[in-house]
Each structure stands twice: as C-alpha cells, then as structure tokens.
Amino acid sequence: MPKTTSVYTRVEPELKEQVEKVLLKLGLPMASAINLFLRQIVLQNGLPFDLKLPVNKPLDYSMMSKAQFDTEMEKGLADYEAGRTMPAAQVREEMQRRYTV
C-alpha cells in the first residue's frame, strides 16, 4: 500500500541522535522503524511492550506502616507455602550447577 500520510513529532535532539546511531547499526531507516512500531501497535492491539514503574528499591521497614509490613509478611509467607521460595544454599548450588564450566 502506498504511503500517503505523514506523521510529525517533536523529540529531544539527544534522543533522536541516540536512536539514529542504533538504527544505523541495524541498517534500518527511522521511517521504517516507526512503521514497524505502528504495525506492532495494531497487531498487539496496544503498545508492544509493558509500561511499568521500576520496582528496584528494596522495601524499607522504617517507612512502612504496621498494615503495610503485615501485608508484605503475608506475601512472603504465601510464597513460602506455595513453594515459590528456596534456601539460599539451594540457589547457590543450582547456580553453580547451571553456570560453572
């Protein structure tokens, strides 16, 4: 199908530069990359990736209310009871088994 519509957008110059460098390595023009992104939105019926806030920070007990602390403890107990946890020594053994040459 012939391309007859244009999309104009403003982006930060540094971001555009970084994207162009990556796309150059891939041999992919910016327009093609944008078309791929738009087609994926249609195919996925939404964005082709999850949008979520990072959850990298460990929980800080001193910042929790008693109810929040109890909730986190209940989550941990539920994970334990469901068999979704294992002792650190077992994790270490499994890591060595899988990745030691």
PDB file of N, CA and C in Angstrom:
ATOM      1  N   MET A   1       0.847  -1.169   0.000  1.00  0.00           N
ATOM      2  CA  MET A   1       0.000   0.000   0.000  1.00  0.00           C
ATOM      3  C   MET A   1       0.894   1.235   0.000  1.00  0.00           C
ATOM      4  N   PRO A   2       0.617   2.186  -0.862  1.00  0.00           N
ATOM      5  CA  PRO A   2       1.461   3.393  -0.925  1.00  0.00           C
ATOM      6  C   PRO A   2       1.311   4.231   0.340  1.00  0.00           C
ATOM      7  N   LYS A   3       2.405   4.844   0.709  1.00  0.00           N
ATOM      8  CA  LYS A   3       2.406   5.690   1.906  1.00  0.00           C
ATOM      9  C   LYS A   3       2.012   7.103   1.496  1.00  0.00           C
ATOM     10  N   THR A   4       0.892   7.557   2.031  1.00  0.00           N
ATOM     11  CA  THR A   4       0.391   8.862   1.627  1.00  0.00           C
ATOM     12  C   THR A   4       0.146   9.807   2.798  1.00  0.00           C
ATOM     13  N   THR A   5       0.421   9.363   4.024  1.00  0.00           N
ATOM     14  CA  THR A   5       0.192  10.202   5.199  1.00  0.00           C
ATOM     15  C   THR A   5       1.502  10.398   5.935  1.00  0.00           C
ATOM     16  N   SER A   6       1.673  11.584   6.485  1.00  0.00           N
ATOM     17  CA  SER A   6       2.882  11.884   7.258  1.00  0.00           C
ATOM     18  C   SER A   6       2.532  12.024   8.730  1.00  0.00           C
ATOM     19  N   VAL A   7       3.497  11.693   9.556  1.00  0.00           N
ATOM     20  CA  VAL A   7       3.371  11.880  10.998  1.00  0.00           C
ATOM     21  C   VAL A   7       4.527  12.778  11.420  1.00  0.00           C
ATOM     22  N   TYR A   8       4.212  13.856  12.090  1.00  0.00           N
ATOM     23  CA  TYR A   8       5.245  14.775  12.575  1.00  0.00           C
ATOM     24  C   TYR A   8       5.241  14.762  14.097  1.00  0.00           C
ATOM     25  N   THR A   9       6.409  14.715  14.679  1.00  0.00           N
ATOM     26  CA  THR A   9       6.512  14.731  16.135  1.00  0.00           C
ATOM     27  C   THR A   9       7.786  15.445  16.539  1.00  0.00           C
ATOM     28  N   ARG A  10       7.793  15.941  17.746  1.00  0.00           N
ATOM     29  CA  ARG A  10       8.985  16.587  18.284  1.00  0.00           C
ATOM     30  C   ARG A  10       9.608  15.656  19.321  1.00  0.00           C
ATOM     31  N   VAL A  11      10.925  15.508  19.240  1.00  0.00           N
ATOM     32  CA  VAL A  11      11.653  14.691  20.211  1.00  0.00           C
ATOM     33  C   VAL A  11      12.893  15.452  20.642  1.00  0.00           C
ATOM     34  N   GLU A  12      13.445  15.023  21.750  1.00  0.00           N
ATOM     35  CA  GLU A  12      14.685  15.639  22.229  1.00  0.00           C
ATOM     36  C   GLU A  12      15.800  15.332  21.236  1.00  0.00           C
ATOM     37  N   PRO A  13      16.612  16.329  20.892  1.00  0.00           N
ATOM     38  CA  PRO A  13      17.687  16.103  19.914  1.00  0.00           C
ATOM     39  C   PRO A  13      18.636  14.969  20.316  1.00  0.00           C
ATOM     40  N   GLU A  14      18.949  14.869  21.596  1.00  0.00           N
ATOM     41  CA  GLU A  14      19.866  13.814  22.052  1.00  0.00           C
ATOM     42  C   GLU A  14      19.248  12.438  21.855  1.00  0.00           C
ATOM     43  N   LEU A  15      17.957  12.325  22.130  1.00  0.00           N
ATOM     44  CA  LEU A  15      17.277  11.052  21.947  1.00  0.00           C
ATOM     45  C   LEU A  15      17.279  10.665  20.469  1.00  0.00           C
ATOM     46  N   LYS A  16      16.976  11.610  19.609  1.00  0.00           N
ATOM     47  CA  LYS A  16      16.967  11.345  18.166  1.00  0.00           C
ATOM     48  C   LYS A  16      18.343  10.863  17.704  1.00  0.00           C
ATOM     49  N   GLU A  17      19.395  11.511  18.189  1.00  0.00           N
ATOM     50  CA  GLU A  17      20.760  11.109  17.828  1.00  0.00           C
ATOM     51  C   GLU A  17      21.058   9.683  18.273  1.00  0.00           C
ATOM     52  N   GLN A  18      20.694   9.372  19.513  1.00  0.00           N
ATOM     53  CA  GLN A  18      20.943   8.027  20.040  1.00  0.00           C
ATOM     54  C   GLN A  18      20.188   6.977  19.233  1.00  0.00           C
ATOM     55  N   VAL A  19      18.935   7.272  18.897  1.00  0.00           N
ATOM     56  CA  VAL A  19      18.131   6.338  18.113  1.00  0.00           C
ATOM     57  C   VAL A  19      18.729   6.157  16.726  1.00  0.00           C
ATOM     58  N   GLU A  20      19.132   7.246  16.099  1.00  0.00           N
ATOM     59  CA  GLU A  20      19.718   7.152  14.752  1.00  0.00           C
ATOM     60  C   GLU A  20      20.972   6.291  14.754  1.00  0.00           C
ATOM     61  N   LYS A  21      21.794   6.399  15.805  1.00  0.00           N
ATOM     62  CA  LYS A  21      23.016   5.576  15.886  1.00  0.00           C
ATOM     63  C   LYS A  21      22.666   4.097  15.949  1.00  0.00           C
ATOM     64  N   VAL A  22      21.672   3.758  16.759  1.00  0.00           N
ATOM     65  CA  VAL A  22      21.265   2.355  16.882  1.00  0.00           C
ATOM     66  C   VAL A  22      20.678   1.860  15.566  1.00  0.00           C
ATOM     67  N   LEU A  23      19.792   2.646  14.974  1.00  0.00           N
ATOM     68  CA  LEU A  23      19.158   2.236  13.729  1.00  0.00           C
ATOM     69  C   LEU A  23      20.164   2.114  12.590  1.00  0.00           C
ATOM     70  N   LEU A  24      21.189   2.959  12.584  1.00  0.00           N
ATOM     71  CA  LEU A  24      22.241   2.863  11.570  1.00  0.00           C
ATOM     72  C   LEU A  24      22.945   1.507  11.667  1.00  0.00           C
ATOM     73  N   LYS A  25      23.232   1.080  12.899  1.00  0.00           N
ATOM     74  CA  LYS A  25      23.871  -0.228  13.097  1.00  0.00           C
ATOM     75  C   LYS A  25      22.978  -1.358  12.608  1.00  0.00           C
ATOM     76  N   LEU A  26      21.664  -1.160  12.722  1.00  0.00           N
ATOM     77  CA  LEU A  26      20.707  -2.176  12.275  1.00  0.00           C
ATOM     78  C   LEU A  26      20.408  -2.071  10.784  1.00  0.00           C
ATOM     79  N   GLY A  27      20.880  -0.978  10.156  1.00  0.00           N
ATOM     80  CA  GLY A  27      20.585  -0.770   8.739  1.00  0.00           C
ATOM     81  C   GLY A  27      19.118  -0.457   8.498  1.00  0.00           C
ATOM     82  N   LEU A  28      18.508   0.230   9.445  1.00  0.00           N
ATOM     83  CA  LEU A  28      17.074   0.492   9.394  1.00  0.00           C
ATOM     84  C   LEU A  28      16.818   1.998   9.414  1.00  0.00           C
ATOM     85  N   PRO A  29      16.175   2.527   8.379  1.00  0.00           N
ATOM     86  CA  PRO A  29      15.847   3.955   8.392  1.00  0.00           C
ATOM     87  C   PRO A  29      14.831   4.275   9.489  1.00  0.00           C
ATOM     88  N   MET A  30      14.856   5.499   9.989  1.00  0.00           N
ATOM     89  CA  MET A  30      13.945   5.929  11.041  1.00  0.00           C
ATOM     90  C   MET A  30      12.491   5.695  10.632  1.00  0.00           C
ATOM     91  N   ALA A  31      12.139   6.028   9.401  1.00  0.00           N
ATOM     92  CA  ALA A  31      10.755   5.862   8.940  1.00  0.00           C
ATOM     93  C   ALA A  31      10.319   4.398   9.014  1.00  0.00           C
ATOM     94  N   SER A  32      11.212   3.491   8.653  1.00  0.00           N
ATOM     95  CA  SER A  32      10.889   2.058   8.720  1.00  0.00           C
ATOM     96  C   SER A  32      10.694   1.607  10.160  1.00  0.00           C
ATOM     97  N   ALA A  33      11.539   2.101  11.044  1.00  0.00           N
ATOM     98  CA  ALA A  33      11.415   1.743  12.455  1.00  0.00           C
ATOM     99  C   ALA A  33      10.079   2.237  13.024  1.00  0.00           C
ATOM    100  N   ILE A  34       9.703   3.445  12.648  1.00  0.00           N
ATOM    101  CA  ILE A  34       8.425   3.985  13.117  1.00  0.00           C
ATOM    102  C   ILE A  34       7.274   3.175  12.545  1.00  0.00           C
ATOM    103  N   ASN A  35       7.355   2.812  11.261  1.00  0.00           N
ATOM    104  CA  ASN A  35       6.315   1.966  10.670  1.00  0.00           C
ATOM    105  C   ASN A  35       6.213   0.621  11.377  1.00  0.00           C
ATOM    106  N   LEU A  36       7.354   0.015  11.708  1.00  0.00           N
ATOM    107  CA  LEU A  36       7.345  -1.250  12.454  1.00  0.00           C
ATOM    108  C   LEU A  36       6.647  -1.083  13.797  1.00  0.00           C
ATOM    109  N   PHE A  37       6.979  -0.011  14.488  1.00  0.00           N
ATOM    110  CA  PHE A  37       6.362   0.266  15.787  1.00  0.00           C
ATOM    111  C   PHE A  37       4.846   0.407  15.646  1.00  0.00           C
ATOM    112  N   LEU A  38       4.395   1.177  14.663  1.00  0.00           N
ATOM    113  CA  LEU A  38       2.960   1.388  14.468  1.00  0.00           C
ATOM    114  C   LEU A  38       2.248   0.087  14.098  1.00  0.00           C
ATOM    115  N   ARG A  39       2.878  -0.719  13.256  1.00  0.00           N
ATOM    116  CA  ARG A  39       2.272  -2.013  12.895  1.00  0.00           C
ATOM    117  C   ARG A  39       2.161  -2.936  14.104  1.00  0.00           C
ATOM    118  N   GLN A  40       3.164  -2.911  14.964  1.00  0.00           N
ATOM    119  CA  GLN A  40       3.111  -3.729  16.177  1.00  0.00           C
ATOM    120  C   GLN A  40       1.985  -3.279  17.104  1.00  0.00           C
ATOM    121  N   ILE A  41       1.734  -1.995  17.169  1.00  0.00           N
ATOM    122  CA  ILE A  41       0.609  -1.499  17.976  1.00  0.00           C
ATOM    123  C   ILE A  41      -0.691  -2.098  17.463  1.00  0.00           C
ATOM    124  N   VAL A  42      -0.850  -2.137  16.138  1.00  0.00           N
ATOM    125  CA  VAL A  42      -2.062  -2.712  15.552  1.00  0.00           C
ATOM    126  C   VAL A  42      -2.125  -4.214  15.848  1.00  0.00           C
ATOM    127  N   LEU A  43      -1.022  -4.926  15.607  1.00  0.00           N
ATOM    128  CA  LEU A  43      -1.007  -6.380  15.828  1.00  0.00           C
ATOM    129  C   LEU A  43      -1.236  -6.757  17.289  1.00  0.00           C
ATOM    130  N   GLN A  44      -0.666  -5.978  18.198  1.00  0.00           N
ATOM    131  CA  GLN A  44      -0.778  -6.280  19.631  1.00  0.00           C
ATOM    132  C   GLN A  44      -2.044  -5.693  20.241  1.00  0.00           C
ATOM    133  N   ASN A  45      -2.716  -4.848  19.477  1.00  0.00           N
ATOM    134  CA  ASN A  45      -3.887  -4.135  19.984  1.00  0.00           C
ATOM    135  C   ASN A  45      -3.512  -3.318  21.222  1.00  0.00           C
ATOM    136  N   GLY A  46      -2.352  -2.709  21.166  1.00  0.00           N
ATOM    137  CA  GLY A  46      -1.818  -1.902  22.260  1.00  0.00           C
ATOM    138  C   GLY A  46      -0.331  -1.730  22.051  1.00  0.00           C
ATOM    139  N   LEU A  47       0.319  -1.154  23.039  1.00  0.00           N
ATOM    140  CA  LEU A  47       1.773  -0.987  22.927  1.00  0.00           C
ATOM    141  C   LEU A  47       2.456  -2.347  22.927  1.00  0.00           C
ATOM    142  N   PRO A  48       3.513  -2.507  22.142  1.00  0.00           N
ATOM    143  CA  PRO A  48       4.172  -3.812  22.038  1.00  0.00           C
ATOM    144  C   PRO A  48       5.150  -4.088  23.186  1.00  0.00           C
ATOM    145  N   PHE A  49       4.972  -3.423  24.300  1.00  0.00           N
ATOM    146  CA  PHE A  49       5.805  -3.643  25.482  1.00  0.00           C
ATOM    147  C   PHE A  49       5.019  -3.195  26.701  1.00  0.00           C
ATOM    148  N   ASP A  50       5.422  -3.694  27.869  1.00  0.00           N
ATOM    149  CA  ASP A  50       4.763  -3.316  29.113  1.00  0.00           C
ATOM    150  C   ASP A  50       5.238  -1.949  29.569  1.00  0.00           C
ATOM    151  N   LEU A  51       4.330  -1.192  30.111  1.00  0.00           N
ATOM    152  CA  LEU A  51       4.680   0.076  30.743  1.00  0.00           C
ATOM    153  C   LEU A  51       4.507  -0.099  32.239  1.00  0.00           C
ATOM    154  N   LYS A  52       5.599   0.028  32.964  1.00  0.00           N
ATOM    155  CA  LYS A  52       5.511  -0.078  34.408  1.00  0.00           C
ATOM    156  C   LYS A  52       6.624   0.711  35.054  1.00  0.00           C
ATOM    157  N   LEU A  53       6.381   1.080  36.268  1.00  0.00           N
ATOM    158  CA  LEU A  53       7.394   1.793  37.032  1.00  0.00           C
ATOM    159  C   LEU A  53       8.406   0.801  37.568  1.00  0.00           C
ATOM    160  N   PRO A  54       9.686   1.165  37.628  1.00  0.00           N
ATOM    161  CA  PRO A  54      10.684   0.242  38.162  1.00  0.00           C
ATOM    162  C   PRO A  54      10.431  -0.029  39.638  1.00  0.00           C
ATOM    163  N   VAL A  55      10.650  -1.285  40.011  1.00  0.00           N
ATOM    164  CA  VAL A  55      10.442  -1.686  41.398  1.00  0.00           C
ATOM    165  C   VAL A  55      11.758  -2.252  41.931  1.00  0.00           C
ATOM    166  N   ASN A  56      12.816  -1.500  41.745  1.00  0.00           N
ATOM    167  CA  ASN A  56      14.143  -1.994  42.110  1.00  0.00           C
ATOM    168  C   ASN A  56      14.501  -1.723  43.561  1.00  0.00           C
ATOM    169  N   LYS A  57      13.804  -0.793  44.183  1.00  0.00           N
ATOM    170  CA  LYS A  57      14.186  -0.425  45.535  1.00  0.00           C
ATOM    171  C   LYS A  57      13.725  -1.488  46.533  1.00  0.00           C
ATOM    172  N   PRO A  58      14.594  -1.880  47.438  1.00  0.00           N
ATOM    173  CA  PRO A  58      14.158  -2.809  48.485  1.00  0.00           C
ATOM    174  C   PRO A  58      13.183  -2.101  49.422  1.00  0.00           C
ATOM    175  N   LEU A  59      12.329  -2.885  50.036  1.00  0.00           N
ATOM    176  CA  LEU A  59      11.385  -2.317  50.984  1.00  0.00           C
ATOM    177  C   LEU A  59      12.125  -1.782  52.198  1.00  0.00           C
ATOM    178  N   ASP A  60      11.682  -0.670  52.708  1.00  0.00           N
ATOM    179  CA  ASP A  60      12.295  -0.042  53.880  1.00  0.00           C
ATOM    180  C   ASP A  60      11.325  -0.171  55.045  1.00  0.00           C
ATOM    181  N   TYR A  61      11.660  -1.064  55.957  1.00  0.00           N
ATOM    182  CA  TYR A  61      10.798  -1.335  57.104  1.00  0.00           C
ATOM    183  C   TYR A  61      10.465  -0.062  57.865  1.00  0.00           C
ATOM    184  N   SER A  62      11.432   0.835  57.996  1.00  0.00           N
ATOM    185  CA  SER A  62      11.213   2.052  58.789  1.00  0.00           C
ATOM    186  C   SER A  62      10.195   2.996  58.145  1.00  0.00           C
ATOM    187  N   MET A  63       9.921   2.811  56.859  1.00  0.00           N
ATOM    188  CA  MET A  63       8.973   3.676  56.159  1.00  0.00           C
ATOM    189  C   MET A  63       7.582   3.052  56.043  1.00  0.00           C
ATOM    190  N   MET A  64       7.401   1.839  56.593  1.00  0.00           N
ATOM    191  CA  MET A  64       6.139   1.122  56.449  1.00  0.00           C
ATOM    192  C   MET A  64       5.246   1.307  57.663  1.00  0.00           C
ATOM    193  N   SER A  65       3.956   1.311  57.378  1.00  0.00           N
ATOM    194  CA  SER A  65       3.008   1.254  58.486  1.00  0.00           C
ATOM    195  C   SER A  65       2.926  -0.199  58.947  1.00  0.00           C
ATOM    196  N   LYS A  66       2.313  -0.423  60.067  1.00  0.00           N
ATOM    197  CA  LYS A  66       2.147  -1.796  60.553  1.00  0.00           C
ATOM    198  C   LYS A  66       1.350  -2.615  59.541  1.00  0.00           C
ATOM    199  N   ALA A  67       0.312  -2.023  58.965  1.00  0.00           N
ATOM    200  CA  ALA A  67      -0.515  -2.737  57.983  1.00  0.00           C
ATOM    201  C   ALA A  67       0.301  -3.100  56.746  1.00  0.00           C
ATOM    202  N   GLN A  68       1.142  -2.181  56.254  1.00  0.00           N
ATOM    203  CA  GLN A  68       1.985  -2.466  55.084  1.00  0.00           C
ATOM    204  C   GLN A  68       2.975  -3.578  55.404  1.00  0.00           C
ATOM    205  N   PHE A  69       3.579  -3.508  56.585  1.00  0.00           N
ATOM    206  CA  PHE A  69       4.527  -4.542  56.994  1.00  0.00           C
ATOM    207  C   PHE A  69       3.827  -5.902  57.056  1.00  0.00           C
ATOM    208  N   ASP A  70       2.652  -5.936  57.679  1.00  0.00           N
ATOM    209  CA  ASP A  70       1.910  -7.193  57.789  1.00  0.00           C
ATOM    210  C   ASP A  70       1.569  -7.746  56.412  1.00  0.00           C
ATOM    211  N   THR A  71       1.184  -6.878  55.482  1.00  0.00           N
ATOM    212  CA  THR A  71       0.863  -7.302  54.122  1.00  0.00           C
ATOM    213  C   THR A  71       2.074  -7.932  53.445  1.00  0.00           C
ATOM    214  N   GLU A  72       3.242  -7.290  53.573  1.00  0.00           N
ATOM    215  CA  GLU A  72       4.466  -7.838  52.970  1.00  0.00           C
ATOM    216  C   GLU A  72       4.848  -9.170  53.601  1.00  0.00           C
ATOM    217  N   MET A  73       4.683  -9.287  54.897  1.00  0.00           N
ATOM    218  CA  MET A  73       4.982 -10.552  55.573  1.00  0.00           C
ATOM    219  C   MET A  73       4.026 -11.651  55.102  1.00  0.00           C
ATOM    220  N   GLU A  74       2.768 -11.305  54.906  1.00  0.00           N
ATOM    221  CA  GLU A  74       1.792 -12.280  54.414  1.00  0.00           C
ATOM    222  C   GLU A  74       2.140 -12.737  52.997  1.00  0.00           C
ATOM    223  N   LYS A  75       2.616 -11.800  52.162  1.00  0.00           N
ATOM    224  CA  LYS A  75       3.049 -12.169  50.804  1.00  0.00           C
ATOM    225  C   LYS A  75       4.197 -13.170  50.873  1.00  0.00           C
ATOM    226  N   GLY A  76       5.162 -12.888  51.734  1.00  0.00           N
ATOM    227  CA  GLY A  76       6.304 -13.787  51.873  1.00  0.00           C
ATOM    228  C   GLY A  76       5.889 -15.158  52.368  1.00  0.00           C
ATOM    229  N   LEU A  77       4.997 -15.194  53.331  1.00  0.00           N
ATOM    230  CA  LEU A  77       4.517 -16.468  53.858  1.00  0.00           C
ATOM    231  C   LEU A  77       3.753 -17.239  52.779  1.00  0.00           C
ATOM    232  N   ALA A  78       2.933 -16.530  51.993  1.00  0.00           N
ATOM    233  CA  ALA A  78       2.190 -17.183  50.909  1.00  0.00           C
ATOM    234  C   ALA A  78       3.156 -17.761  49.874  1.00  0.00           C
ATOM    235  N   ASP A  79       4.227 -17.026  49.532  1.00  0.00           N
ATOM    236  CA  ASP A  79       5.237 -17.540  48.599  1.00  0.00           C
ATOM    237  C   ASP A  79       5.890 -18.799  49.163  1.00  0.00           C
ATOM    238  N   TYR A  80       6.203 -18.775  50.438  1.00  0.00           N
ATOM    239  CA  TYR A  80       6.826 -19.933  51.080  1.00  0.00           C
ATOM    240  C   TYR A  80       5.880 -21.135  51.037  1.00  0.00           C
ATOM    241  N   GLU A  81       4.629 -20.909  51.420  1.00  0.00           N
ATOM    242  CA  GLU A  81       3.653 -22.007  51.459  1.00  0.00           C
ATOM    243  C   GLU A  81       3.358 -22.557  50.068  1.00  0.00           C
ATOM    244  N   ALA A  82       3.471 -21.717  49.038  1.00  0.00           N
ATOM    245  CA  ALA A  82       3.211 -22.151  47.663  1.00  0.00           C
ATOM    246  C   ALA A  82       4.449 -22.775  47.021  1.00  0.00           C
ATOM    247  N   GLY A  83       5.554 -22.814  47.750  1.00  0.00           N
ATOM    248  CA  GLY A  83       6.767 -23.418  47.215  1.00  0.00           C
ATOM    249  C   GLY A  83       7.510 -22.532  46.232  1.00  0.00           C
ATOM    250  N   ARG A  84       7.293 -21.216  46.299  1.00  0.00           N
ATOM    251  CA  ARG A  84       7.958 -20.301  45.380  1.00  0.00           C
ATOM    252  C   ARG A  84       9.255 -19.737  45.961  1.00  0.00           C
ATOM    253  N   THR A  85       9.734 -20.311  47.028  1.00  0.00           N
ATOM    254  CA  THR A  85      10.998 -19.870  47.628  1.00  0.00           C
ATOM    255  C   THR A  85      11.889 -21.080  47.833  1.00  0.00           C
ATOM    256  N   MET A  86      13.168 -20.822  48.017  1.00  0.00           N
ATOM    257  CA  MET A  86      14.104 -21.900  48.332  1.00  0.00           C
ATOM    258  C   MET A  86      15.249 -21.312  49.147  1.00  0.00           C
ATOM    259  N   PRO A  87      15.902 -22.134  49.925  1.00  0.00           N
ATOM    260  CA  PRO A  87      17.020 -21.646  50.743  1.00  0.00           C
ATOM    261  C   PRO A  87      18.161 -21.111  49.871  1.00  0.00           C
ATOM    262  N   ALA A  88      18.890 -20.149  50.400  1.00  0.00           N
ATOM    263  CA  ALA A  88      19.996 -19.536  49.665  1.00  0.00           C
ATOM    264  C   ALA A  88      21.023 -20.580  49.229  1.00  0.00           C
ATOM    265  N   ALA A  89      21.293 -21.550  50.078  1.00  0.00           N
ATOM    266  CA  ALA A  89      22.271 -22.592  49.732  1.00  0.00           C
ATOM    267  C   ALA A  89      21.810 -23.371  48.503  1.00  0.00           C
ATOM    268  N   GLN A  90      20.522 -23.622  48.412  1.00  0.00           N
ATOM    269  CA  GLN A  90      19.987 -24.338  47.256  1.00  0.00           C
ATOM    270  C   GLN A  90      20.094 -23.494  45.994  1.00  0.00           C
ATOM    271  N   VAL A  91      19.855 -22.198  46.115  1.00  0.00           N
ATOM    272  CA  VAL A  91      20.003 -21.292  44.966  1.00  0.00           C
ATOM    273  C   VAL A  91      21.451 -21.302  44.502  1.00  0.00           C
ATOM    274  N   ARG A  92      22.395 -21.215  45.456  1.00  0.00           N
ATOM    275  CA  ARG A  92      23.814 -21.223  45.126  1.00  0.00           C
ATOM    276  C   ARG A  92      24.192 -22.515  44.398  1.00  0.00           C
ATOM    277  N   GLU A  93      23.730 -23.655  44.891  1.00  0.00           N
ATOM    278  CA  GLU A  93      24.034 -24.934  44.251  1.00  0.00           C
ATOM    279  C   GLU A  93      23.486 -24.993  42.831  1.00  0.00           C
ATOM    280  N   GLU A  94      22.258 -24.501  42.658  1.00  0.00           N
ATOM    281  CA  GLU A  94      21.643 -24.511  41.328  1.00  0.00           C
ATOM    282  C   GLU A  94      22.410 -23.600  40.363  1.00  0.00           C
ATOM    283  N   MET A  95      22.830 -22.432  40.832  1.00  0.00           N
ATOM    284  CA  MET A  95      23.601 -21.510  40.003  1.00  0.00           C
ATOM    285  C   MET A  95      24.928 -22.151  39.586  1.00  0.00           C
ATOM    286  N   GLN A  96      25.584 -22.792  40.528  1.00  0.00           N
ATOM    287  CA  GLN A  96      26.857 -23.456  40.207  1.00  0.00           C
ATOM    288  C   GLN A  96      26.641 -24.596  39.214  1.00  0.00           C
ATOM    289  N   ARG A  97      25.578 -25.363  39.402  1.00  0.00           N
ATOM    290  CA  ARG A  97      25.286 -26.463  38.504  1.00  0.00           C
ATOM    291  C   ARG A  97      25.039 -25.965  37.078  1.00  0.00           C
ATOM    292  N   ARG A  98      24.290 -24.863  36.968  1.00  0.00           N
ATOM    293  CA  ARG A  98      23.935 -24.359  35.639  1.00  0.00           C
ATOM    294  C   ARG A  98      25.068 -23.595  34.960  1.00  0.00           C
ATOM    295  N   TYR A  99      25.857 -22.853  35.723  1.00  0.00           N
ATOM    296  CA  TYR A  99      26.767 -21.885  35.088  1.00  0.00           C
ATOM    297  C   TYR A  99      28.248 -22.147  35.321  1.00  0.00           C
ATOM    298  N   THR A 100      28.609 -23.139  36.077  1.00  0.00           N
ATOM    299  CA  THR A 100      30.021 -23.435  36.297  1.00  0.00           C
ATOM    300  C   THR A 100      30.533 -24.293  35.154  1.00  0.00           C
ATOM    301  N   VAL A 101      31.652 -23.863  34.596  1.00  0.00           N
ATOM    302  CA  VAL A 101      32.243 -24.609  33.466  1.00  0.00           C
ATOM    303  C   VAL A 101      33.261 -25.579  33.994  1.00  0.00           C
TER     304      VAL A 101
END
